Amino acid sequence: MALNGIWQLQKLVVRYCDWGGSSRGIREFIQTHLPSFRKNNPQVEVITEMMRGKHPHLRGYYRCKTVRMVDSRNVDPKDILLQAIRLRNALGLKVTKLKTRHMITKQSVQGTWKTDLRI
């Protein structure tokens, strides 16, 4: 996702094994879907790394210096493409829990709204 017109994902690293059974889907993804993903997203640097004996995963590096890793063991190539698109669309920020259901910037003149209205 772009924040102020700047894409947040800088680099996408695809790690896989060339002989492992859990890497079968990601090897097919590299051959079929990865060239079109690179062509459609020139702002993202895509790197493929072969690591023998390790399970496959996608790792996204963001501008805010955070790293997100998605496990890709025994996953279909279309699902791996969806994972890569989700990494591209993410902002890379940590998830923060809201303290209330609604956020208030200015206090209301009439008072705060309550669900248990008694007439």
N, C-alpha and C. Protein backbone atom coordinates (compact mmCIF):
# COMPACT_ATOMS: atom_id res chain seq x y z
N MET A 1 0.85 -1.16 0.00
CA MET A 1 0.00 0.00 0.00
C MET A 1 0.89 1.23 0.00
N ALA A 2 0.42 2.24 -0.62
CA ALA A 2 1.19 3.46 -0.69
C ALA A 2 0.78 4.41 0.43
N LEU A 3 1.75 4.95 1.11
CA LEU A 3 1.52 5.94 2.14
C LEU A 3 2.06 7.25 1.62
N ASN A 4 1.21 8.23 1.39
CA ASN A 4 1.56 9.51 0.79
C ASN A 4 2.18 9.33 -0.59
N GLY A 5 1.69 8.34 -1.33
CA GLY A 5 2.17 8.11 -2.69
C GLY A 5 3.46 7.33 -2.79
N ILE A 6 3.96 6.81 -1.68
CA ILE A 6 5.21 6.06 -1.67
C ILE A 6 4.91 4.63 -1.24
N TRP A 7 5.28 3.66 -2.07
CA TRP A 7 5.09 2.25 -1.72
C TRP A 7 6.00 1.91 -0.56
N GLN A 8 5.49 1.17 0.41
CA GLN A 8 6.23 0.89 1.63
C GLN A 8 7.12 -0.35 1.53
N LEU A 9 6.75 -1.31 0.70
CA LEU A 9 7.56 -2.52 0.55
C LEU A 9 8.75 -2.21 -0.35
N GLN A 10 9.96 -2.37 0.18
CA GLN A 10 11.15 -2.11 -0.60
C GLN A 10 11.68 -3.37 -1.28
N LYS A 11 11.72 -4.47 -0.51
CA LYS A 11 12.35 -5.67 -1.02
C LYS A 11 11.54 -6.89 -0.61
N LEU A 12 11.37 -7.82 -1.53
CA LEU A 12 10.70 -9.08 -1.28
C LEU A 12 11.69 -10.20 -1.55
N VAL A 13 11.97 -11.01 -0.53
CA VAL A 13 12.92 -12.11 -0.65
C VAL A 13 12.13 -13.41 -0.64
N VAL A 14 12.34 -14.24 -1.66
CA VAL A 14 11.69 -15.54 -1.79
C VAL A 14 12.76 -16.59 -1.51
N ARG A 15 12.62 -17.32 -0.41
CA ARG A 15 13.58 -18.36 -0.06
C ARG A 15 12.93 -19.73 -0.22
N TYR A 16 13.67 -20.67 -0.82
CA TYR A 16 13.12 -21.98 -1.10
C TYR A 16 14.24 -23.01 -1.14
N CYS A 17 13.86 -24.28 -1.24
CA CYS A 17 14.79 -25.39 -1.38
C CYS A 17 14.57 -26.01 -2.75
N ASP A 18 15.63 -26.42 -3.42
CA ASP A 18 15.48 -26.94 -4.77
C ASP A 18 15.06 -28.41 -4.82
N TRP A 19 15.11 -29.13 -3.71
CA TRP A 19 14.72 -30.54 -3.74
C TRP A 19 13.67 -30.92 -2.70
N GLY A 20 13.37 -30.05 -1.76
CA GLY A 20 12.41 -30.36 -0.69
C GLY A 20 10.98 -30.42 -1.19
N GLY A 21 10.20 -31.31 -0.60
CA GLY A 21 8.80 -31.47 -1.00
C GLY A 21 7.93 -30.30 -0.59
N SER A 22 8.27 -29.63 0.52
CA SER A 22 7.45 -28.50 0.96
C SER A 22 7.67 -27.27 0.08
N SER A 23 8.70 -27.27 -0.75
CA SER A 23 8.99 -26.13 -1.63
C SER A 23 8.41 -26.32 -3.03
N ARG A 24 7.64 -27.35 -3.25
CA ARG A 24 7.11 -27.63 -4.59
C ARG A 24 6.26 -26.47 -5.11
N GLY A 25 5.39 -25.94 -4.26
CA GLY A 25 4.52 -24.85 -4.69
C GLY A 25 5.27 -23.57 -4.98
N ILE A 26 6.29 -23.27 -4.18
CA ILE A 26 7.03 -22.02 -4.39
C ILE A 26 7.94 -22.12 -5.61
N ARG A 27 8.42 -23.33 -5.93
CA ARG A 27 9.21 -23.50 -7.16
C ARG A 27 8.33 -23.27 -8.39
N GLU A 28 7.10 -23.75 -8.33
CA GLU A 28 6.16 -23.51 -9.44
C GLU A 28 5.78 -22.04 -9.51
N PHE A 29 5.65 -21.39 -8.34
CA PHE A 29 5.36 -19.95 -8.29
C PHE A 29 6.47 -19.15 -8.96
N ILE A 30 7.72 -19.53 -8.71
CA ILE A 30 8.87 -18.81 -9.29
C ILE A 30 8.85 -18.93 -10.81
N GLN A 31 8.45 -20.08 -11.33
CA GLN A 31 8.45 -20.27 -12.78
C GLN A 31 7.25 -19.61 -13.45
N THR A 32 6.08 -19.61 -12.81
CA THR A 32 4.87 -19.15 -13.49
C THR A 32 4.45 -17.73 -13.12
N HIS A 33 4.35 -17.43 -11.83
CA HIS A 33 3.76 -16.16 -11.40
C HIS A 33 4.77 -15.06 -11.09
N LEU A 34 5.99 -15.41 -10.73
CA LEU A 34 6.96 -14.39 -10.30
C LEU A 34 7.38 -13.44 -11.41
N PRO A 35 7.58 -13.88 -12.67
CA PRO A 35 7.92 -12.90 -13.71
C PRO A 35 6.85 -11.83 -13.93
N SER A 36 5.58 -12.23 -13.88
CA SER A 36 4.52 -11.23 -14.06
C SER A 36 4.42 -10.33 -12.82
N PHE A 37 4.69 -10.88 -11.62
CA PHE A 37 4.68 -10.05 -10.41
C PHE A 37 5.78 -9.00 -10.47
N ARG A 38 6.97 -9.39 -10.94
CA ARG A 38 8.07 -8.43 -11.10
C ARG A 38 7.74 -7.35 -12.12
N LYS A 39 7.09 -7.76 -13.21
CA LYS A 39 6.75 -6.81 -14.27
C LYS A 39 5.69 -5.82 -13.80
N ASN A 40 4.71 -6.29 -13.02
CA ASN A 40 3.64 -5.42 -12.55
C ASN A 40 4.04 -4.55 -11.37
N ASN A 41 5.12 -4.90 -10.66
CA ASN A 41 5.56 -4.14 -9.48
C ASN A 41 7.03 -3.77 -9.61
N PRO A 42 7.35 -2.79 -10.45
CA PRO A 42 8.76 -2.42 -10.62
C PRO A 42 9.35 -1.70 -9.41
N GLN A 43 8.50 -1.22 -8.51
CA GLN A 43 8.98 -0.51 -7.32
C GLN A 43 9.53 -1.46 -6.26
N VAL A 44 9.26 -2.77 -6.40
CA VAL A 44 9.69 -3.76 -5.41
C VAL A 44 10.88 -4.54 -5.98
N GLU A 45 11.94 -4.61 -5.19
CA GLU A 45 13.09 -5.42 -5.57
C GLU A 45 12.81 -6.86 -5.13
N VAL A 46 12.75 -7.78 -6.09
CA VAL A 46 12.44 -9.18 -5.80
C VAL A 46 13.71 -10.01 -5.92
N ILE A 47 14.03 -10.73 -4.84
CA ILE A 47 15.24 -11.55 -4.79
C ILE A 47 14.82 -12.98 -4.48
N THR A 48 15.38 -13.94 -5.22
CA THR A 48 15.14 -15.34 -4.92
C THR A 48 16.42 -15.94 -4.37
N GLU A 49 16.30 -16.65 -3.26
CA GLU A 49 17.45 -17.28 -2.63
C GLU A 49 17.14 -18.76 -2.43
N MET A 50 18.09 -19.61 -2.82
CA MET A 50 17.93 -21.03 -2.61
C MET A 50 18.68 -21.42 -1.34
N MET A 51 17.95 -22.01 -0.39
CA MET A 51 18.55 -22.47 0.86
C MET A 51 18.19 -23.95 1.00
N ARG A 52 19.17 -24.81 0.84
CA ARG A 52 18.92 -26.25 0.87
C ARG A 52 18.57 -26.71 2.28
N GLY A 53 17.55 -27.57 2.34
CA GLY A 53 17.15 -28.16 3.60
C GLY A 53 16.32 -27.25 4.49
N LYS A 54 15.87 -26.12 4.02
CA LYS A 54 15.05 -25.18 4.80
C LYS A 54 13.66 -25.08 4.18
N HIS A 55 12.69 -24.79 5.01
CA HIS A 55 11.33 -24.61 4.51
C HIS A 55 11.22 -23.27 3.79
N PRO A 56 10.34 -23.17 2.80
CA PRO A 56 10.22 -21.93 2.02
C PRO A 56 9.43 -20.86 2.77
N HIS A 57 9.78 -19.61 2.50
CA HIS A 57 9.03 -18.50 3.06
C HIS A 57 9.28 -17.24 2.24
N LEU A 58 8.38 -16.29 2.41
CA LEU A 58 8.51 -14.97 1.81
C LEU A 58 8.86 -13.99 2.91
N ARG A 59 9.76 -13.09 2.63
CA ARG A 59 10.17 -12.11 3.63
C ARG A 59 10.10 -10.73 2.99
N GLY A 60 9.35 -9.82 3.61
CA GLY A 60 9.20 -8.46 3.08
C GLY A 60 9.92 -7.45 3.96
N TYR A 61 10.72 -6.59 3.33
CA TYR A 61 11.44 -5.52 4.03
C TYR A 61 10.79 -4.19 3.68
N TYR A 62 10.42 -3.44 4.72
CA TYR A 62 9.67 -2.20 4.53
C TYR A 62 10.53 -0.97 4.82
N ARG A 63 10.03 0.20 4.41
CA ARG A 63 10.77 1.45 4.59
C ARG A 63 10.92 1.84 6.07
N CYS A 64 9.99 1.42 6.90
CA CYS A 64 10.05 1.76 8.32
C CYS A 64 10.93 0.77 9.09
N LYS A 65 11.77 0.04 8.36
CA LYS A 65 12.76 -0.89 8.91
C LYS A 65 12.15 -2.06 9.65
N THR A 66 10.97 -2.49 9.23
CA THR A 66 10.37 -3.69 9.79
C THR A 66 10.43 -4.81 8.76
N VAL A 67 10.38 -6.02 9.26
CA VAL A 67 10.45 -7.20 8.40
C VAL A 67 9.25 -8.08 8.72
N ARG A 68 8.55 -8.53 7.68
CA ARG A 68 7.45 -9.46 7.86
C ARG A 68 7.78 -10.75 7.11
N MET A 69 7.57 -11.87 7.78
CA MET A 69 7.86 -13.15 7.18
C MET A 69 6.58 -13.98 7.10
N VAL A 70 6.35 -14.60 5.93
CA VAL A 70 5.18 -15.43 5.71
C VAL A 70 5.67 -16.82 5.34
N ASP A 71 5.21 -17.82 6.08
CA ASP A 71 5.59 -19.20 5.81
C ASP A 71 4.85 -19.71 4.58
N SER A 72 5.55 -20.44 3.71
CA SER A 72 4.95 -20.91 2.46
C SER A 72 5.11 -22.41 2.27
N ARG A 73 5.09 -23.17 3.35
CA ARG A 73 5.21 -24.63 3.24
C ARG A 73 3.94 -25.23 2.67
N ASN A 74 4.11 -26.09 1.68
CA ASN A 74 3.00 -26.86 1.10
C ASN A 74 1.83 -25.98 0.69
N VAL A 75 2.11 -24.84 0.06
CA VAL A 75 1.08 -23.89 -0.35
C VAL A 75 1.05 -23.86 -1.88
N ASP A 76 -0.14 -23.71 -2.44
CA ASP A 76 -0.31 -23.63 -3.90
C ASP A 76 0.31 -22.34 -4.43
N PRO A 77 0.72 -22.32 -5.71
CA PRO A 77 1.32 -21.11 -6.28
C PRO A 77 0.38 -19.90 -6.28
N LYS A 78 -0.93 -20.13 -6.47
CA LYS A 78 -1.87 -18.99 -6.45
C LYS A 78 -1.96 -18.39 -5.06
N ASP A 79 -1.90 -19.24 -4.03
CA ASP A 79 -1.93 -18.72 -2.66
C ASP A 79 -0.64 -17.98 -2.31
N ILE A 80 0.48 -18.42 -2.86
CA ILE A 80 1.74 -17.72 -2.64
C ILE A 80 1.70 -16.35 -3.32
N LEU A 81 1.07 -16.28 -4.49
CA LEU A 81 0.90 -14.99 -5.16
C LEU A 81 0.05 -14.06 -4.30
N LEU A 82 -1.02 -14.58 -3.68
CA LEU A 82 -1.84 -13.76 -2.79
C LEU A 82 -1.04 -13.30 -1.58
N GLN A 83 -0.17 -14.16 -1.04
CA GLN A 83 0.68 -13.76 0.08
C GLN A 83 1.63 -12.64 -0.32
N ALA A 84 2.20 -12.73 -1.53
CA ALA A 84 3.10 -11.68 -2.01
C ALA A 84 2.35 -10.37 -2.21
N ILE A 85 1.13 -10.44 -2.70
CA ILE A 85 0.33 -9.22 -2.89
C ILE A 85 -0.04 -8.61 -1.55
N ARG A 86 -0.34 -9.46 -0.56
CA ARG A 86 -0.65 -8.94 0.78
C ARG A 86 0.57 -8.27 1.40
N LEU A 87 1.75 -8.84 1.20
CA LEU A 87 2.97 -8.19 1.70
C LEU A 87 3.19 -6.86 1.00
N ARG A 88 2.91 -6.80 -0.30
CA ARG A 88 3.08 -5.55 -1.04
C ARG A 88 2.10 -4.49 -0.56
N ASN A 89 0.87 -4.89 -0.25
CA ASN A 89 -0.15 -3.93 0.15
C ASN A 89 -0.06 -3.51 1.61
N ALA A 90 0.70 -4.22 2.42
CA ALA A 90 0.80 -3.89 3.84
C ALA A 90 1.68 -2.66 4.04
N LEU A 91 1.41 -1.94 5.11
CA LEU A 91 2.20 -0.75 5.43
C LEU A 91 3.49 -1.08 6.16
N GLY A 92 3.54 -2.23 6.80
CA GLY A 92 4.73 -2.60 7.54
C GLY A 92 4.73 -2.11 8.97
N LEU A 93 3.69 -1.41 9.37
CA LEU A 93 3.60 -0.91 10.73
C LEU A 93 3.07 -2.00 11.64
N LYS A 94 3.41 -1.93 12.91
CA LYS A 94 2.90 -2.89 13.87
C LYS A 94 1.43 -2.59 14.16
N VAL A 95 0.70 -3.62 14.45
CA VAL A 95 -0.73 -3.48 14.74
C VAL A 95 -0.88 -2.93 16.15
N THR A 96 -1.66 -1.85 16.29
CA THR A 96 -1.90 -1.27 17.60
C THR A 96 -3.36 -1.48 17.97
N LYS A 97 -3.58 -1.79 19.21
CA LYS A 97 -4.93 -2.03 19.69
C LYS A 97 -5.56 -0.71 20.10
N LEU A 98 -6.77 -0.47 19.62
CA LEU A 98 -7.50 0.74 19.99
C LEU A 98 -8.09 0.56 21.38
N LYS A 99 -8.10 1.63 22.17
CA LYS A 99 -8.62 1.54 23.53
C LYS A 99 -10.14 1.60 23.55
N THR A 100 -10.74 2.26 22.57
CA THR A 100 -12.19 2.35 22.48
C THR A 100 -12.63 1.94 21.07
N ARG A 101 -13.93 1.77 20.90
CA ARG A 101 -14.44 1.39 19.59
C ARG A 101 -14.41 2.54 18.61
N HIS A 102 -14.41 3.75 19.09
CA HIS A 102 -14.41 4.91 18.21
C HIS A 102 -13.33 5.88 18.67
N MET A 103 -12.80 6.60 17.71
CA MET A 103 -11.76 7.58 18.02
C MET A 103 -12.38 8.97 17.97
N ILE A 104 -12.10 9.79 18.96
CA ILE A 104 -12.66 11.13 19.06
C ILE A 104 -11.53 12.13 18.97
N THR A 105 -11.64 13.05 18.01
CA THR A 105 -10.65 14.12 17.93
C THR A 105 -11.12 15.36 18.68
N LYS A 106 -12.41 15.63 18.64
CA LYS A 106 -12.98 16.77 19.35
C LYS A 106 -14.15 16.27 20.20
N GLN A 107 -14.26 16.76 21.38
CA GLN A 107 -15.37 16.38 22.25
C GLN A 107 -16.66 17.00 21.73
N SER A 108 -17.75 16.25 21.83
CA SER A 108 -19.03 16.72 21.37
C SER A 108 -19.62 17.72 22.35
N VAL A 109 -20.34 18.70 21.84
CA VAL A 109 -20.99 19.69 22.68
C VAL A 109 -22.16 19.03 23.41
N GLN A 110 -22.80 18.05 22.80
CA GLN A 110 -23.96 17.40 23.36
C GLN A 110 -23.59 16.30 24.36
N GLY A 111 -22.34 15.94 24.44
CA GLY A 111 -21.93 14.87 25.33
C GLY A 111 -21.57 13.62 24.54
N THR A 112 -21.07 12.64 25.24
CA THR A 112 -20.67 11.42 24.55
C THR A 112 -21.89 10.54 24.29
N TRP A 113 -21.83 9.80 23.22
CA TRP A 113 -22.92 8.93 22.83
C TRP A 113 -22.83 7.63 23.61
N LYS A 114 -23.98 7.15 24.09
CA LYS A 114 -24.02 5.91 24.84
C LYS A 114 -25.04 4.97 24.23
N THR A 115 -24.78 3.68 24.31
CA THR A 115 -25.69 2.71 23.69
C THR A 115 -26.88 2.41 24.57
N ASP A 116 -26.77 2.59 25.86
CA ASP A 116 -27.87 2.26 26.77
C ASP A 116 -28.70 3.50 27.09
N LEU A 117 -29.39 3.99 26.07
CA LEU A 117 -30.22 5.18 26.21
C LEU A 117 -31.54 4.79 26.85
N ARG A 118 -31.89 5.44 27.94
CA ARG A 118 -33.17 5.15 28.63
C ARG A 118 -34.09 6.34 28.52
N ILE A 119 -35.27 6.08 28.04
CA ILE A 119 -36.24 7.16 27.87
C ILE A 119 -37.33 7.03 28.90
